[in-house]
């Protein structure tokens, strides 16, 4: 939730309007299915954050780049969920 707040504040500052509609919640049937979904979601977040950081760097927006660098813990989450699937 803290990440969402930081991103929403930055969007607002830049003149955008953050959404208040969450993405649909995935309800899996089996544990492995839920973990596989989490692995995919974390990978999507990693790729999106890297894309945002690259764009922010190109635009000279150091503040936005730093915000996304601070919340790059999705890689840790991805590793964790991937390790669960390997067991």
C-alpha atoms as a PDB file:
ATOM      1  CA  UNK A   1       0.000   0.000   0.000  1.00  0.00           C
ATOM      2  CA  UNK A   2       2.896   2.350   0.754  1.00  0.00           C
ATOM      3  CA  UNK A   3       4.172   1.873  -2.794  1.00  0.00           C
ATOM      4  CA  UNK A   4       0.783   2.749  -4.227  1.00  0.00           C
ATOM      5  CA  UNK A   5       0.651   5.908  -2.147  1.00  0.00           C
ATOM      6  CA  UNK A   6       4.094   7.051  -3.325  1.00  0.00           C
ATOM      7  CA  UNK A   7       3.212   6.401  -6.943  1.00  0.00           C
ATOM      8  CA  UNK A   8      -0.183   8.116  -6.605  1.00  0.00           C
ATOM      9  CA  UNK A   9       1.427  11.180  -5.003  1.00  0.00           C
ATOM     10  CA  UNK A  10       3.961  11.402  -7.818  1.00  0.00           C
ATOM     11  CA  UNK A  11       1.275  11.020 -10.482  1.00  0.00           C
ATOM     12  CA  UNK A  12      -0.757  13.765  -8.822  1.00  0.00           C
ATOM     13  CA  UNK A  13       2.302  16.029  -8.620  1.00  0.00           C
ATOM     14  CA  UNK A  14       2.992  15.497 -12.330  1.00  0.00           C
ATOM     15  CA  UNK A  15      -0.592  16.445 -13.192  1.00  0.00           C
ATOM     16  CA  UNK A  16      -1.997  12.966 -13.636  1.00  0.00           C
ATOM     17  CA  UNK A  17      -4.935  11.393 -11.904  1.00  0.00           C
ATOM     18  CA  UNK A  18      -4.176   8.129 -10.121  1.00  0.00           C
ATOM     19  CA  UNK A  19      -6.796   5.441 -10.402  1.00  0.00           C
ATOM     20  CA  UNK A  20      -8.669   4.317  -7.349  1.00  0.00           C
ATOM     21  CA  UNK A  21      -9.897   1.134  -9.004  1.00  0.00           C
ATOM     22  CA  UNK A  22      -7.827  -1.894  -8.018  1.00  0.00           C
ATOM     23  CA  UNK A  23      -7.112  -4.608 -10.540  1.00  0.00           C
ATOM     24  CA  UNK A  24      -9.334  -7.662 -10.296  1.00  0.00           C
ATOM     25  CA  UNK A  25      -8.314 -10.107  -7.592  1.00  0.00           C
ATOM     26  CA  UNK A  26      -7.210 -13.524  -8.785  1.00  0.00           C
ATOM     27  CA  UNK A  27      -8.516 -16.413  -6.740  1.00  0.00           C
ATOM     28  CA  UNK A  28      -6.655 -19.599  -7.510  1.00  0.00           C
ATOM     29  CA  UNK A  29      -7.817 -23.104  -6.895  1.00  0.00           C
ATOM     30  CA  UNK A  30      -4.547 -24.729  -5.890  1.00  0.00           C
ATOM     31  CA  UNK A  31      -1.572 -23.321  -4.023  1.00  0.00           C
ATOM     32  CA  UNK A  32       0.777 -23.928  -6.957  1.00  0.00           C
ATOM     33  CA  UNK A  33      -1.589 -22.043  -9.255  1.00  0.00           C
ATOM     34  CA  UNK A  34      -1.681 -19.038  -6.911  1.00  0.00           C
ATOM     35  CA  UNK A  35       2.107 -18.982  -6.537  1.00  0.00           C
ATOM     36  CA  UNK A  36       2.597 -19.234 -10.317  1.00  0.00           C
ATOM     37  CA  UNK A  37       0.258 -16.276 -10.726  1.00  0.00           C
ATOM     38  CA  UNK A  38       2.294 -14.333  -8.137  1.00  0.00           C
ATOM     39  CA  UNK A  39       5.531 -15.123 -10.010  1.00  0.00           C
ATOM     40  CA  UNK A  40       3.985 -13.766 -13.213  1.00  0.00           C
ATOM     41  CA  UNK A  41       2.618 -10.648 -11.488  1.00  0.00           C
ATOM     42  CA  UNK A  42       5.960  -9.842  -9.866  1.00  0.00           C
ATOM     43  CA  UNK A  43       7.766 -10.257 -13.191  1.00  0.00           C
ATOM     44  CA  UNK A  44       5.288  -7.886 -14.841  1.00  0.00           C
ATOM     45  CA  UNK A  45       5.877  -5.343 -12.052  1.00  0.00           C
ATOM     46  CA  UNK A  46       9.668  -5.665 -12.429  1.00  0.00           C
ATOM     47  CA  UNK A  47       9.458  -5.044 -16.171  1.00  0.00           C
ATOM     48  CA  UNK A  48       7.063  -2.113 -15.741  1.00  0.00           C
ATOM     49  CA  UNK A  49       9.234  -0.484 -13.060  1.00  0.00           C
ATOM     50  CA  UNK A  50      12.358  -0.840 -15.215  1.00  0.00           C
ATOM     51  CA  UNK A  51      10.521   0.713 -18.148  1.00  0.00           C
ATOM     52  CA  UNK A  52       9.380   3.622 -15.963  1.00  0.00           C
ATOM     53  CA  UNK A  53      12.890   4.137 -14.568  1.00  0.00           C
ATOM     54  CA  UNK A  54      14.381   4.166 -18.079  1.00  0.00           C
ATOM     55  CA  UNK A  55      11.791   6.665 -19.305  1.00  0.00           C
ATOM     56  CA  UNK A  56      12.231   8.855 -16.219  1.00  0.00           C
ATOM     57  CA  UNK A  57      16.009   8.855 -16.739  1.00  0.00           C
ATOM     58  CA  UNK A  58      15.590   9.821 -20.410  1.00  0.00           C
ATOM     59  CA  UNK A  59      13.249  12.660 -19.401  1.00  0.00           C
ATOM     60  CA  UNK A  60      15.581  13.839 -16.634  1.00  0.00           C
ATOM     61  CA  UNK A  61      12.962  13.069 -13.960  1.00  0.00           C
ATOM     62  CA  UNK A  62      15.285  12.033 -11.161  1.00  0.00           C
ATOM     63  CA  UNK A  63      12.559  12.033  -8.480  1.00  0.00           C
ATOM     64  CA  UNK A  64      10.356   9.542 -10.308  1.00  0.00           C
ATOM     65  CA  UNK A  65      13.341   7.315 -11.099  1.00  0.00           C
ATOM     66  CA  UNK A  66      14.359   7.316  -7.428  1.00  0.00           C
ATOM     67  CA  UNK A  67      10.838   6.465  -6.264  1.00  0.00           C
ATOM     68  CA  UNK A  68      10.790   3.373  -8.454  1.00  0.00           C
ATOM     69  CA  UNK A  69      14.331   2.397  -7.470  1.00  0.00           C
ATOM     70  CA  UNK A  70      13.252   2.469  -3.820  1.00  0.00           C
ATOM     71  CA  UNK A  71      10.345   0.107  -4.389  1.00  0.00           C
ATOM     72  CA  UNK A  72      12.172  -2.395  -6.529  1.00  0.00           C
ATOM     73  CA  UNK A  73      11.687  -5.154  -3.959  1.00  0.00           C
ATOM     74  CA  UNK A  74       9.552  -7.031  -6.484  1.00  0.00           C
ATOM     75  CA  UNK A  75      12.720  -8.883  -7.487  1.00  0.00           C
ATOM     76  CA  UNK A  76      12.934 -10.269  -3.951  1.00  0.00           C
ATOM     77  CA  UNK A  77       9.266 -11.274  -4.121  1.00  0.00           C
ATOM     78  CA  UNK A  78       9.808 -12.911  -7.526  1.00  0.00           C
ATOM     79  CA  UNK A  79      12.769 -14.906  -6.189  1.00  0.00           C
ATOM     80  CA  UNK A  80      10.768 -15.976  -3.140  1.00  0.00           C
ATOM     81  CA  UNK A  81       7.751 -17.181  -5.110  1.00  0.00           C
ATOM     82  CA  UNK A  82       9.965 -18.867  -7.715  1.00  0.00           C
ATOM     83  CA  UNK A  83      11.818 -20.745  -4.974  1.00  0.00           C
ATOM     84  CA  UNK A  84       8.478 -21.971  -3.582  1.00  0.00           C
ATOM     85  CA  UNK A  85       7.578 -23.465  -6.952  1.00  0.00           C
ATOM     86  CA  UNK A  86      10.935 -25.246  -7.164  1.00  0.00           C
ATOM     87  CA  UNK A  87      10.383 -27.192  -3.944  1.00  0.00           C
END
